[in-house]
N, C-alpha and C. Protein backbone atom coordinates (compact mmCIF):
# COMPACT_ATOMS: atom_id res chain seq x y z
N MET A 1 -0.98 11.56 3.27
CA MET A 1 -0.56 12.31 5.26
C MET A 1 -0.66 10.83 5.76
N GLU A 2 0.08 10.30 6.49
CA GLU A 2 0.10 9.32 7.56
C GLU A 2 -0.60 9.74 8.96
N VAL A 3 -1.16 8.44 9.61
CA VAL A 3 -2.04 8.62 10.52
C VAL A 3 -1.09 9.44 11.94
N ALA A 4 0.09 9.22 11.97
CA ALA A 4 1.01 9.59 12.75
C ALA A 4 0.88 11.11 12.59
N ASN A 5 1.30 11.36 11.65
CA ASN A 5 1.28 13.05 11.21
C ASN A 5 -0.07 13.73 11.21
N VAL A 6 -1.06 13.07 11.19
CA VAL A 6 -2.29 13.56 11.59
C VAL A 6 -2.54 13.72 13.02
N SER A 7 -2.21 12.77 13.66
CA SER A 7 -2.20 12.99 15.25
C SER A 7 -1.35 13.78 15.89
N TYR A 8 -0.13 14.14 15.18
CA TYR A 8 0.86 15.18 15.64
C TYR A 8 -0.05 16.87 15.44
N ILE A 9 -0.51 16.90 14.35
CA ILE A 9 -1.00 18.14 13.92
C ILE A 9 -2.34 18.34 15.02
N VAL A 10 -3.31 17.35 14.86
CA VAL A 10 -4.44 17.73 15.84
C VAL A 10 -4.00 17.75 17.13
N ALA A 11 -2.84 17.02 17.82
CA ALA A 11 -2.35 17.49 19.39
C ALA A 11 -1.37 18.85 19.05
N ALA A 12 -0.74 19.38 18.39
CA ALA A 12 -0.38 20.79 18.37
C ALA A 12 -1.53 21.74 18.28
N SER A 13 -2.84 21.40 17.52
CA SER A 13 -3.57 22.20 17.31
C SER A 13 -4.42 22.73 18.75
N ILE A 14 -4.76 21.38 19.56
CA ILE A 14 -5.20 21.26 20.93
C ILE A 14 -4.36 22.35 21.71
N ILE A 15 -3.05 21.78 21.96
CA ILE A 15 -1.95 22.61 22.57
C ILE A 15 -1.91 24.27 22.15
N ALA A 16 -1.79 24.27 20.83
CA ALA A 16 -1.92 25.79 20.66
C ALA A 16 -3.45 26.56 21.09
N ALA A 17 -4.35 25.95 20.88
CA ALA A 17 -6.01 26.54 21.19
C ALA A 17 -5.58 26.74 22.72
N PHE A 18 -5.44 25.84 23.48
CA PHE A 18 -5.46 26.08 24.69
C PHE A 18 -4.29 27.01 25.28
N ALA A 19 -3.45 27.00 24.81
CA ALA A 19 -2.38 28.44 24.82
C ALA A 19 -2.95 29.68 24.50
N LEU A 20 -3.73 29.79 23.45
CA LEU A 20 -4.18 31.05 23.20
C LEU A 20 -5.34 31.51 24.29
N ILE A 21 -6.22 30.34 24.35
CA ILE A 21 -6.97 30.60 25.41
C ILE A 21 -6.62 31.24 26.97
N SER A 22 -5.36 30.51 27.28
CA SER A 22 -4.86 30.92 28.39
C SER A 22 -4.40 32.27 28.52
N ALA A 23 -3.39 32.68 27.20
CA ALA A 23 -2.92 33.75 26.93
C ALA A 23 -4.08 34.99 27.23
N SER A 24 -4.86 34.82 26.56
CA SER A 24 -6.21 35.69 26.49
C SER A 24 -6.48 35.89 27.81
N ILE A 25 -6.74 34.76 28.77
CA ILE A 25 -7.67 35.07 29.97
C ILE A 25 -6.40 36.08 30.99
N ILE A 26 -5.19 35.59 30.61
CA ILE A 26 -4.23 36.35 31.54
C ILE A 26 -4.22 37.88 31.18
N ALA A 27 -4.20 38.15 29.85
CA ALA A 27 -3.97 39.30 29.32
C ALA A 27 -5.58 40.13 29.91
N LEU A 28 -6.43 39.31 29.95
CA LEU A 28 -7.85 40.23 30.32
C LEU A 28 -7.97 40.75 31.84
N LYS A 29 -7.24 39.73 32.36
CA LYS A 29 -7.00 39.88 33.88
C LYS A 29 -6.16 40.80 34.26
N LYS A 30 -4.97 41.05 33.55
CA LYS A 30 -3.87 42.10 33.85
C LYS A 30 -4.45 43.30 33.51
N PHE A 31 -5.16 43.59 32.50
CA PHE A 31 -5.46 44.59 32.34
C PHE A 31 -7.10 45.13 32.75
N ASN A 32 -7.80 44.21 33.46
CA ASN A 32 -8.88 44.49 34.08
C ASN A 32 -9.87 44.71 33.21
N ILE A 33 -9.72 44.13 31.90
CA ILE A 33 -10.69 44.16 31.06
C ILE A 33 -12.12 43.50 31.47
N VAL A 34 -11.77 42.23 32.16
CA VAL A 34 -12.95 41.48 32.39
C VAL A 34 -12.78 41.25 34.06
N LYS A 35 -13.90 41.52 34.63
CA LYS A 35 -13.96 41.54 36.07
C LYS A 35 -14.56 40.17 36.94
N ARG A 36 -15.44 39.62 35.94
CA ARG A 36 -16.18 38.41 36.52
C ARG A 36 -15.20 37.15 36.20
N PRO A 37 -15.24 35.94 36.97
CA PRO A 37 -14.61 34.72 36.89
C PRO A 37 -14.72 34.12 35.55
N LEU A 38 -13.80 33.66 35.17
CA LEU A 38 -13.65 33.25 33.55
C LEU A 38 -13.34 31.61 33.25
N ALA A 39 -13.29 30.89 34.52
CA ALA A 39 -12.83 29.65 34.44
C ALA A 39 -13.99 28.55 34.00
N PRO A 40 -15.12 29.20 34.02
CA PRO A 40 -16.38 28.27 33.29
C PRO A 40 -16.10 28.27 31.86
N TYR A 41 -15.71 29.63 31.46
CA TYR A 41 -15.57 29.80 30.22
C TYR A 41 -14.46 29.11 29.58
N VAL A 42 -13.43 29.19 30.20
CA VAL A 42 -12.20 28.64 29.85
C VAL A 42 -12.12 27.06 29.75
N ILE A 43 -12.92 26.63 30.47
CA ILE A 43 -13.14 24.87 30.68
C ILE A 43 -14.01 24.54 29.06
N THR A 44 -15.35 25.31 29.02
CA THR A 44 -16.04 25.14 28.15
C THR A 44 -15.41 25.27 26.72
N GLY A 45 -14.53 26.31 26.56
CA GLY A 45 -13.82 26.62 25.52
C GLY A 45 -12.74 25.44 25.16
N THR A 46 -12.15 24.89 25.98
CA THR A 46 -11.19 23.87 26.27
C THR A 46 -11.77 22.63 25.68
N LEU A 47 -12.92 22.38 26.07
CA LEU A 47 -13.66 21.04 25.77
C LEU A 47 -14.09 21.23 24.22
N PHE A 48 -14.87 22.20 24.03
CA PHE A 48 -15.00 22.43 22.42
C PHE A 48 -13.87 22.60 21.45
N CYS A 49 -12.81 22.72 22.05
CA CYS A 49 -11.48 22.43 21.13
C CYS A 49 -11.14 21.11 20.80
N MET A 50 -11.25 20.43 22.25
CA MET A 50 -10.91 18.98 22.16
C MET A 50 -12.16 18.20 21.13
N PHE A 51 -13.17 18.50 21.50
CA PHE A 51 -14.14 17.72 20.60
C PHE A 51 -14.13 18.18 19.23
N GLY A 52 -13.71 19.19 18.70
CA GLY A 52 -13.53 19.41 17.39
C GLY A 52 -12.31 19.00 16.75
N ALA A 53 -11.33 18.78 17.58
CA ALA A 53 -10.07 18.29 17.41
C ALA A 53 -10.12 16.84 17.14
N LEU A 54 -11.29 16.26 17.88
CA LEU A 54 -11.38 14.66 17.65
C LEU A 54 -12.19 14.38 16.59
N ILE A 55 -13.18 15.16 16.12
CA ILE A 55 -13.86 15.02 14.97
C ILE A 55 -12.99 15.09 14.04
N ALA A 56 -12.42 16.32 13.80
CA ALA A 56 -11.24 16.48 12.73
C ALA A 56 -9.97 15.32 12.36
N ILE A 57 -9.79 14.80 13.39
CA ILE A 57 -8.62 13.35 13.27
C ILE A 57 -9.58 12.33 12.49
N VAL A 58 -10.93 12.10 13.24
CA VAL A 58 -11.57 10.90 12.45
C VAL A 58 -11.77 11.34 11.20
N VAL A 59 -12.49 12.41 10.66
CA VAL A 59 -12.56 12.64 9.35
C VAL A 59 -11.47 12.52 8.42
N VAL A 60 -10.61 13.26 8.48
CA VAL A 60 -9.32 13.12 8.26
C VAL A 60 -8.82 11.42 7.82
N SER A 61 -8.68 10.91 8.94
CA SER A 61 -8.16 9.50 8.93
C SER A 61 -9.15 8.56 7.95
N GLN A 62 -10.12 8.70 8.01
CA GLN A 62 -11.38 8.15 7.29
C GLN A 62 -11.24 8.38 5.56
N ARG A 63 -10.92 10.01 5.53
CA ARG A 63 -11.32 10.61 4.06
C ARG A 63 -10.03 10.29 3.04
N PHE A 64 -9.21 10.64 4.00
CA PHE A 64 -7.70 11.34 3.14
C PHE A 64 -6.45 10.44 3.63
N ASN A 65 -6.57 9.46 4.79
CA ASN A 65 -5.46 8.75 5.09
C ASN A 65 -5.66 7.35 5.41
N PRO A 66 -5.43 6.68 4.28
CA PRO A 66 -5.67 5.16 4.32
C PRO A 66 -4.59 4.52 5.31
N ALA A 67 -5.02 3.79 5.88
CA ALA A 67 -4.28 3.10 6.91
C ALA A 67 -2.88 2.55 6.30
N VAL A 68 -3.16 1.70 5.32
CA VAL A 68 -1.66 1.37 4.50
C VAL A 68 -2.07 1.10 3.21
N SER A 69 -0.93 0.82 2.26
CA SER A 69 -1.34 0.58 0.90
C SER A 69 -1.43 -1.17 0.81
N ASP A 70 -2.13 -1.52 0.22
CA ASP A 70 -2.44 -3.20 -0.05
C ASP A 70 -1.38 -3.59 -1.43
N ARG A 71 -0.27 -4.13 -0.70
CA ARG A 71 0.72 -4.41 -2.22
C ARG A 71 0.08 -5.47 -2.99
N ARG A 72 -0.99 -6.52 -2.66
CA ARG A 72 -1.19 -7.17 -3.34
C ARG A 72 -2.18 -7.01 -4.50
N TYR A 73 -2.80 -5.52 -3.80
CA TYR A 73 -3.51 -5.35 -5.22
C TYR A 73 -3.68 -3.92 -5.57
N MET A 74 -2.15 -3.10 -5.44
CA MET A 74 -1.82 -2.05 -5.83
C MET A 74 -2.75 -0.79 -5.50
N GLN A 75 -3.26 -0.65 -4.39
CA GLN A 75 -4.39 0.19 -4.34
C GLN A 75 -4.52 0.38 -2.32
N ASP A 76 -5.19 1.41 -2.03
CA ASP A 76 -5.22 1.53 -0.76
C ASP A 76 -6.10 0.55 -0.05
N TYR A 77 -5.62 0.10 1.00
CA TYR A 77 -5.91 -1.07 1.69
C TYR A 77 -7.44 -0.91 1.88
N GLN A 78 -8.16 0.06 2.38
CA GLN A 78 -9.45 0.25 2.58
C GLN A 78 -10.21 0.16 1.06
N ASP A 79 -9.89 0.48 -0.09
CA ASP A 79 -10.40 0.11 -1.23
C ASP A 79 -10.48 -1.34 -1.54
N ALA A 80 -9.25 -1.87 -1.38
CA ALA A 80 -8.98 -3.64 -1.60
C ALA A 80 -9.74 -4.26 -0.72
N ASP A 81 -9.89 -3.74 0.52
CA ASP A 81 -11.09 -4.54 1.56
C ASP A 81 -12.36 -4.38 1.11
N ARG A 82 -12.86 -3.20 0.69
CA ARG A 82 -14.20 -3.13 0.45
C ARG A 82 -14.58 -3.83 -0.88
N ARG A 83 -13.59 -3.96 -1.70
CA ARG A 83 -13.84 -4.65 -2.96
C ARG A 83 -13.25 -6.32 -3.35
N PHE A 84 -13.01 -6.57 -1.88
CA PHE A 84 -12.53 -8.31 -1.63
C PHE A 84 -13.01 -9.06 -2.68
N ASN A 85 -14.59 -8.92 -2.51
CA ASN A 85 -15.07 -10.38 -3.45
C ASN A 85 -14.89 -10.10 -4.48
N GLN A 86 -15.25 -8.70 -4.84
CA GLN A 86 -14.89 -8.45 -6.42
C GLN A 86 -13.73 -8.53 -7.27
N LEU A 87 -12.42 -8.59 -6.28
CA LEU A 87 -11.27 -8.83 -6.87
C LEU A 87 -11.19 -10.32 -6.77
N LYS A 88 -11.58 -11.35 -5.82
CA LYS A 88 -11.52 -12.57 -6.03
C LYS A 88 -12.21 -12.98 -7.11
N GLU A 89 -13.76 -12.53 -7.34
CA GLU A 89 -14.16 -12.97 -8.59
C GLU A 89 -13.62 -12.66 -9.86
N ALA A 90 -12.89 -11.39 -9.97
CA ALA A 90 -12.43 -11.04 -11.24
C ALA A 90 -11.18 -12.18 -11.53
N ILE A 91 -10.64 -12.48 -10.48
CA ILE A 91 -9.30 -13.46 -10.50
C ILE A 91 -10.04 -14.66 -11.28
N ALA A 92 -10.99 -15.41 -10.75
CA ALA A 92 -11.55 -16.66 -11.13
C ALA A 92 -12.13 -16.48 -12.59
N LYS A 93 -12.58 -15.18 -12.89
CA LYS A 93 -13.07 -15.31 -14.35
C LYS A 93 -12.09 -14.90 -15.39
N PHE A 94 -10.77 -14.31 -14.98
CA PHE A 94 -9.67 -14.15 -15.63
C PHE A 94 -9.02 -15.45 -15.99
N GLU A 95 -8.61 -16.39 -14.77
CA GLU A 95 -7.95 -17.60 -15.07
C GLU A 95 -9.31 -18.66 -15.89
N SER A 96 -10.28 -18.28 -16.17
CA SER A 96 -11.09 -19.27 -17.05
C SER A 96 -10.99 -18.82 -18.26
N LEU A 97 -10.55 -17.64 -18.56
CA LEU A 97 -10.47 -17.14 -19.92
C LEU A 97 -9.01 -17.23 -20.46
N TYR A 98 -8.14 -17.08 -19.77
CA TYR A 98 -6.43 -16.79 -19.98
C TYR A 98 -5.67 -17.88 -19.21
N ASP A 99 -4.61 -17.96 -19.89
CA ASP A 99 -3.41 -18.59 -19.29
C ASP A 99 -2.10 -17.91 -19.10
N THR A 100 -1.19 -17.90 -17.77
CA THR A 100 -0.19 -16.86 -18.06
C THR A 100 0.90 -17.88 -17.48
N ARG A 101 1.99 -17.48 -18.16
CA ARG A 101 3.31 -18.01 -17.29
C ARG A 101 4.26 -16.84 -17.32
N PHE A 102 5.22 -16.75 -16.09
CA PHE A 102 6.16 -16.21 -15.65
C PHE A 102 7.21 -16.66 -15.92
N ASN A 103 8.33 -16.17 -16.61
CA ASN A 103 9.70 -16.50 -16.86
C ASN A 103 10.51 -15.45 -16.32
N PHE A 104 11.34 -15.81 -15.12
CA PHE A 104 12.28 -14.88 -14.42
C PHE A 104 13.81 -15.38 -14.90
N GLU A 105 14.78 -14.55 -14.97
CA GLU A 105 15.70 -15.03 -15.67
C GLU A 105 16.95 -16.04 -14.77
N SER A 106 16.48 -15.89 -13.45
CA SER A 106 17.36 -16.42 -12.47
C SER A 106 16.49 -17.69 -11.77
N TYR A 107 15.08 -18.11 -12.52
CA TYR A 107 14.78 -18.86 -11.89
C TYR A 107 15.35 -20.52 -11.68
N SER A 108 15.15 -20.92 -10.53
CA SER A 108 15.54 -22.28 -10.38
C SER A 108 14.56 -23.27 -10.30
N ASP A 109 15.08 -24.56 -10.75
CA ASP A 109 13.85 -25.48 -10.68
C ASP A 109 13.94 -26.20 -9.19
N LYS A 110 15.01 -25.83 -8.30
CA LYS A 110 14.75 -26.58 -7.12
C LYS A 110 14.60 -25.10 -6.13
N PRO A 111 13.64 -25.40 -5.57
CA PRO A 111 13.44 -24.32 -4.56
C PRO A 111 14.03 -24.30 -3.23
N ILE A 112 14.27 -23.21 -2.91
CA ILE A 112 15.20 -22.85 -1.71
C ILE A 112 14.42 -23.11 -0.35
N GLY A 113 15.01 -23.79 0.62
CA GLY A 113 14.23 -23.51 1.75
C GLY A 113 14.57 -22.37 3.20
N VAL A 114 13.73 -21.84 3.38
CA VAL A 114 14.23 -20.75 4.00
C VAL A 114 12.97 -20.83 5.32
N PRO A 115 13.99 -20.90 6.67
CA PRO A 115 13.28 -20.84 8.01
C PRO A 115 12.58 -19.66 8.36
N ASN A 116 11.20 -20.05 8.51
CA ASN A 116 10.22 -19.17 9.35
C ASN A 116 10.42 -19.10 10.60
N PRO A 117 9.67 -17.94 11.50
CA PRO A 117 9.73 -17.62 12.66
C PRO A 117 9.01 -18.89 13.31
N ARG A 118 8.09 -19.88 12.80
CA ARG A 118 7.70 -20.83 13.66
C ARG A 118 8.60 -21.82 13.63
N GLY A 119 9.55 -22.01 13.24
CA GLY A 119 10.60 -22.76 13.34
C GLY A 119 10.50 -23.86 11.96
N ALA A 120 9.60 -24.07 11.19
CA ALA A 120 9.46 -24.57 9.90
C ALA A 120 10.10 -24.36 8.60
N THR A 121 10.17 -24.63 7.62
CA THR A 121 10.48 -24.08 6.46
C THR A 121 9.74 -23.76 5.38
N ASP A 122 9.81 -22.61 4.77
CA ASP A 122 9.01 -22.28 3.67
C ASP A 122 10.05 -22.42 2.47
N PHE A 123 9.28 -22.72 1.27
CA PHE A 123 10.00 -23.37 0.33
C PHE A 123 9.79 -22.04 -0.97
N TYR A 124 10.99 -21.59 -1.50
CA TYR A 124 10.64 -20.63 -2.60
C TYR A 124 11.44 -20.80 -4.01
N PRO A 125 10.91 -20.56 -5.03
CA PRO A 125 11.87 -20.66 -6.02
C PRO A 125 13.00 -19.85 -6.10
N HIS A 126 14.41 -20.00 -6.28
CA HIS A 126 15.19 -18.91 -6.24
C HIS A 126 15.08 -17.96 -7.37
N ALA A 127 14.19 -17.20 -7.43
CA ALA A 127 13.96 -16.47 -8.64
C ALA A 127 14.11 -15.32 -8.82
N LEU A 128 14.84 -14.43 -8.07
CA LEU A 128 15.60 -12.78 -7.61
C LEU A 128 16.77 -13.33 -7.31
N THR A 129 17.56 -12.56 -7.59
CA THR A 129 18.94 -12.26 -7.48
C THR A 129 19.45 -10.90 -6.71
N ILE A 130 20.35 -10.87 -5.97
CA ILE A 130 20.59 -9.35 -5.71
C ILE A 130 21.57 -8.41 -6.83
N GLY A 131 20.79 -7.67 -7.49
CA GLY A 131 21.37 -6.65 -8.21
C GLY A 131 20.42 -6.61 -9.16
N LYS A 132 20.48 -6.82 -10.42
CA LYS A 132 19.67 -6.34 -11.43
C LYS A 132 18.71 -7.85 -11.83
N ASN A 133 17.50 -7.56 -11.94
CA ASN A 133 16.56 -8.72 -12.50
C ASN A 133 15.76 -8.28 -13.51
N ARG A 134 15.09 -9.52 -14.06
CA ARG A 134 14.24 -9.11 -15.23
C ARG A 134 13.32 -10.18 -15.40
N PHE A 135 12.00 -10.10 -15.88
CA PHE A 135 11.01 -11.24 -16.16
C PHE A 135 10.24 -10.71 -17.21
N ASP A 136 9.56 -11.75 -17.82
CA ASP A 136 8.67 -11.23 -18.78
C ASP A 136 7.41 -12.39 -18.43
N LEU A 137 6.16 -11.97 -18.95
CA LEU A 137 4.90 -12.92 -18.83
C LEU A 137 4.33 -13.03 -20.21
N ILE A 138 3.97 -14.58 -20.34
CA ILE A 138 3.29 -14.81 -21.52
C ILE A 138 1.93 -15.01 -21.14
N LEU A 139 0.96 -14.31 -21.96
CA LEU A 139 -0.06 -13.91 -21.93
C LEU A 139 -0.87 -14.69 -23.18
N ARG A 140 -1.94 -15.96 -23.07
CA ARG A 140 -2.82 -16.71 -23.99
C ARG A 140 -4.05 -16.86 -23.68
N ASP A 141 -5.13 -16.99 -24.52
CA ASP A 141 -6.53 -17.31 -24.17
C ASP A 141 -6.47 -18.77 -24.18
N LYS A 142 -7.40 -19.49 -23.80
CA LYS A 142 -7.32 -20.78 -23.65
C LYS A 142 -7.39 -21.71 -25.09
N SER A 143 -7.46 -20.83 -26.07
CA SER A 143 -6.98 -21.71 -27.31
C SER A 143 -5.75 -21.52 -27.76
N GLY A 144 -4.77 -20.79 -26.86
CA GLY A 144 -3.54 -21.09 -27.09
C GLY A 144 -2.92 -19.77 -27.95
N ALA A 145 -3.80 -18.97 -28.36
CA ALA A 145 -3.39 -17.77 -29.10
C ALA A 145 -2.86 -16.71 -28.17
N LEU A 146 -1.67 -15.74 -28.56
CA LEU A 146 -1.31 -14.98 -27.85
C LEU A 146 -1.97 -13.89 -27.76
N ILE A 147 -2.27 -13.11 -26.65
CA ILE A 147 -2.77 -11.77 -26.30
C ILE A 147 -1.52 -10.80 -26.31
N GLY A 148 -1.56 -9.88 -27.37
CA GLY A 148 -0.62 -8.55 -27.04
C GLY A 148 -1.13 -7.31 -27.09
N ASP A 149 -2.70 -7.38 -26.58
CA ASP A 149 -3.07 -6.11 -26.72
C ASP A 149 -3.73 -5.46 -25.07
N ALA A 150 -2.84 -6.31 -24.05
CA ALA A 150 -3.43 -5.91 -23.03
C ALA A 150 -2.50 -4.98 -22.50
N ASN A 151 -3.23 -4.45 -21.33
CA ASN A 151 -2.26 -3.52 -20.36
C ASN A 151 -1.97 -3.99 -19.28
N VAL A 152 -0.76 -4.11 -19.01
CA VAL A 152 0.12 -4.95 -17.90
C VAL A 152 1.42 -4.16 -17.57
N SER A 153 1.25 -3.94 -16.17
CA SER A 153 2.21 -3.63 -14.97
C SER A 153 2.54 -4.14 -14.08
N ALA A 154 3.54 -3.97 -13.43
CA ALA A 154 3.66 -4.90 -12.08
C ALA A 154 4.33 -4.06 -11.03
N MET A 155 4.26 -4.65 -9.60
CA MET A 155 5.04 -4.14 -8.67
C MET A 155 5.72 -5.06 -7.78
N ILE A 156 6.90 -4.90 -7.58
CA ILE A 156 7.74 -5.46 -6.60
C ILE A 156 8.14 -4.88 -5.62
N SER A 157 7.85 -5.78 -4.36
CA SER A 157 7.58 -5.31 -3.03
C SER A 157 8.30 -6.04 -1.94
N SER A 158 8.96 -5.67 -0.91
CA SER A 158 9.64 -6.66 -0.13
C SER A 158 8.47 -6.89 0.95
N ILE A 159 8.14 -7.99 1.35
CA ILE A 159 7.08 -8.42 2.37
C ILE A 159 7.37 -7.65 3.59
N ASP A 160 8.63 -7.06 4.22
CA ASP A 160 8.56 -6.00 5.50
C ASP A 160 8.25 -4.69 4.84
N GLY A 161 7.92 -4.65 3.50
CA GLY A 161 7.40 -2.96 3.48
C GLY A 161 8.53 -2.09 3.02
N ALA A 162 9.71 -2.45 3.20
CA ALA A 162 11.05 -1.58 3.21
C ALA A 162 11.34 -1.42 1.28
N PHE A 163 10.78 -2.02 0.55
CA PHE A 163 10.84 -1.89 -0.64
C PHE A 163 9.45 -2.05 -1.77
N ASP A 164 9.34 -1.10 -2.56
CA ASP A 164 8.40 -0.83 -3.47
C ASP A 164 8.92 -0.37 -4.66
N GLN A 165 8.62 -1.06 -5.94
CA GLN A 165 9.03 -0.57 -6.97
C GLN A 165 7.91 -0.99 -8.31
N THR A 166 7.18 0.04 -8.86
CA THR A 166 6.45 -0.33 -9.95
C THR A 166 7.42 -0.31 -11.56
N ILE A 167 6.85 -1.08 -12.02
CA ILE A 167 7.42 -1.36 -13.44
C ILE A 167 6.63 -1.34 -14.40
N ARG A 168 7.00 -0.80 -15.69
CA ARG A 168 6.13 -1.02 -16.92
C ARG A 168 6.58 -2.26 -17.85
N SER A 169 5.72 -2.56 -18.63
CA SER A 169 6.07 -3.48 -19.68
C SER A 169 5.86 -3.38 -21.13
N ARG A 170 6.46 -3.87 -21.91
CA ARG A 170 6.24 -3.77 -23.31
C ARG A 170 5.97 -4.91 -23.88
N PHE A 171 5.28 -5.06 -25.06
CA PHE A 171 4.74 -6.60 -25.61
C PHE A 171 5.64 -6.59 -26.74
N ASN A 172 6.55 -7.56 -27.01
CA ASN A 172 7.66 -7.82 -27.50
C ASN A 172 7.82 -9.08 -28.16
N ALA A 173 7.35 -9.42 -29.32
CA ALA A 173 7.26 -10.86 -29.87
C ALA A 173 6.14 -11.79 -29.46
N ASN A 174 6.35 -12.56 -28.25
CA ASN A 174 5.51 -13.54 -27.91
C ASN A 174 5.27 -13.23 -26.32
N ALA A 175 5.93 -12.00 -25.72
CA ALA A 175 5.83 -11.93 -24.39
C ALA A 175 5.61 -10.27 -23.98
N TYR A 176 5.17 -10.15 -22.51
CA TYR A 176 5.42 -8.98 -22.29
C TYR A 176 6.67 -8.75 -21.45
N ASP A 177 7.67 -7.86 -21.96
CA ASP A 177 8.68 -7.72 -20.98
C ASP A 177 8.93 -6.37 -20.15
N PHE A 178 9.10 -6.90 -18.65
CA PHE A 178 9.16 -5.78 -17.92
C PHE A 178 10.49 -5.06 -17.91
N ASP A 179 10.45 -3.89 -17.58
CA ASP A 179 11.59 -2.93 -17.18
C ASP A 179 12.38 -3.66 -15.83
N GLU A 180 13.89 -3.46 -16.14
CA GLU A 180 14.78 -3.86 -15.29
C GLU A 180 14.67 -3.63 -13.87
N PHE A 181 15.15 -3.97 -12.55
CA PHE A 181 14.74 -3.54 -11.46
C PHE A 181 15.85 -4.27 -10.75
N ASP A 182 16.05 -3.36 -9.55
CA ASP A 182 17.37 -4.03 -8.86
C ASP A 182 16.87 -4.20 -7.40
N ILE A 183 17.29 -5.28 -6.64
CA ILE A 183 17.38 -5.81 -5.68
C ILE A 183 18.53 -5.61 -4.46
N ALA A 184 18.33 -5.02 -3.59
CA ALA A 184 19.64 -4.62 -2.74
C ALA A 184 19.69 -5.59 -1.81
N LYS A 185 18.85 -6.45 -1.32
CA LYS A 185 19.10 -7.12 0.11
C LYS A 185 18.41 -8.75 -0.11
N GLU A 186 18.80 -9.71 0.61
CA GLU A 186 18.31 -10.96 0.42
C GLU A 186 17.04 -10.54 1.63
N GLY A 187 15.90 -11.91 0.94
CA GLY A 187 14.46 -11.67 1.56
C GLY A 187 13.57 -11.90 0.87
N ARG A 188 12.27 -12.31 1.11
CA ARG A 188 11.18 -12.12 0.55
C ARG A 188 10.44 -11.22 -0.29
N TYR A 189 10.13 -11.58 -1.35
CA TYR A 189 9.56 -10.29 -2.15
C TYR A 189 8.45 -10.64 -2.66
N ARG A 190 7.31 -9.96 -2.96
CA ARG A 190 6.05 -10.38 -3.88
C ARG A 190 6.36 -9.53 -4.96
N VAL A 191 5.77 -10.24 -6.12
CA VAL A 191 5.42 -9.71 -7.38
C VAL A 191 4.32 -9.88 -7.78
N THR A 192 3.58 -8.41 -8.08
CA THR A 192 2.31 -8.53 -7.90
C THR A 192 1.90 -7.59 -9.45
N VAL A 193 1.20 -8.23 -10.36
CA VAL A 193 1.02 -8.03 -11.83
C VAL A 193 -0.54 -7.50 -12.28
N LYS A 194 -0.71 -6.33 -12.81
CA LYS A 194 -1.89 -6.27 -12.94
C LYS A 194 -2.11 -6.34 -14.25
N ILE A 195 -3.31 -7.17 -14.59
CA ILE A 195 -3.33 -7.45 -16.23
C ILE A 195 -4.67 -6.92 -16.80
N ASP A 196 -4.92 -5.96 -17.58
CA ASP A 196 -6.23 -5.79 -18.26
C ASP A 196 -6.28 -6.21 -19.59
N ALA A 197 -6.59 -7.26 -19.49
CA ALA A 197 -7.14 -7.68 -20.71
C ALA A 197 -8.33 -7.70 -21.37
N PRO A 198 -8.68 -7.85 -23.01
CA PRO A 198 -9.66 -7.56 -23.39
C PRO A 198 -11.14 -7.94 -22.91
N GLN A 199 -10.98 -9.13 -22.12
CA GLN A 199 -12.33 -9.61 -21.71
C GLN A 199 -12.41 -9.63 -20.22
N ALA A 200 -11.16 -9.58 -19.48
CA ALA A 200 -10.96 -9.65 -18.05
C ALA A 200 -9.87 -8.90 -17.58
N SER A 201 -10.04 -8.30 -16.26
CA SER A 201 -9.01 -7.79 -15.61
C SER A 201 -8.30 -8.71 -14.27
N ALA A 202 -7.24 -8.66 -14.01
CA ALA A 202 -7.23 -9.43 -12.70
C ALA A 202 -5.61 -8.68 -12.25
N TYR A 203 -5.34 -9.08 -10.69
CA TYR A 203 -4.04 -9.04 -10.05
C TYR A 203 -3.70 -10.49 -9.88
N LEU A 204 -2.14 -10.64 -10.17
CA LEU A 204 -1.69 -11.97 -10.31
C LEU A 204 -0.60 -11.79 -9.19
N HIS A 205 -0.16 -12.71 -8.39
CA HIS A 205 0.79 -12.56 -7.28
C HIS A 205 2.05 -13.92 -7.31
N ARG A 206 3.06 -13.54 -7.42
CA ARG A 206 4.25 -14.67 -7.20
C ARG A 206 4.91 -14.03 -5.83
N GLU A 207 5.28 -15.17 -4.83
CA GLU A 207 5.90 -14.68 -4.05
C GLU A 207 7.40 -15.20 -3.90
N LEU A 208 8.51 -14.71 -4.21
CA LEU A 208 9.65 -15.21 -4.45
C LEU A 208 10.75 -14.62 -3.40
N TYR A 209 11.80 -15.42 -3.49
CA TYR A 209 12.95 -15.25 -2.77
C TYR A 209 14.31 -14.79 -3.32
N ALA A 210 14.74 -13.55 -3.05
CA ALA A 210 15.99 -13.12 -3.38
C ALA A 210 17.35 -13.68 -2.64
N ARG A 211 18.16 -14.05 -3.39
CA ARG A 211 19.57 -14.37 -2.82
C ARG A 211 20.80 -14.30 -3.65
């Protein structure tokens, strides 16, 4: 459930509560069930409804409604932010024990220059193409021995958040082969790979450009 949806629900609840109280007052007055002025009770009841709605939106937003998903770590942003130092330490430990090499089918040795909003040029390896894409990952320990019993998965996401796809891998001979995935439009993409190796785990990132 997104923040906007929660806000709409709470706003609708406030309006419904106010409408119910108002309708009740009109009915009581019309049928002369209550003679005394009800304005103080109406105001008090409305304030309680609003106060309860504000508490509800805070609780729901904090407990059940993460702001955004953090694509760099394949988890909710709040969780990644809370564990940020641990995640960085995990990467440092992982890189001290293992070496990795990404192999993209469409990799180019000549990075392509892409203008950025600041007027400068960012350079990316031409590693994704419009259409079908594949890549694999080679994992070795520092002695050069292949590691074939790690749990490896990946997320391909566009920087603008319009595209997200989680893909699985299988160890085949000497590399982890990832499932094929489709890229529909040109732009910047991030490949996030989660590796659970025997002695360490980490999230590794590559920023690529599709053309």
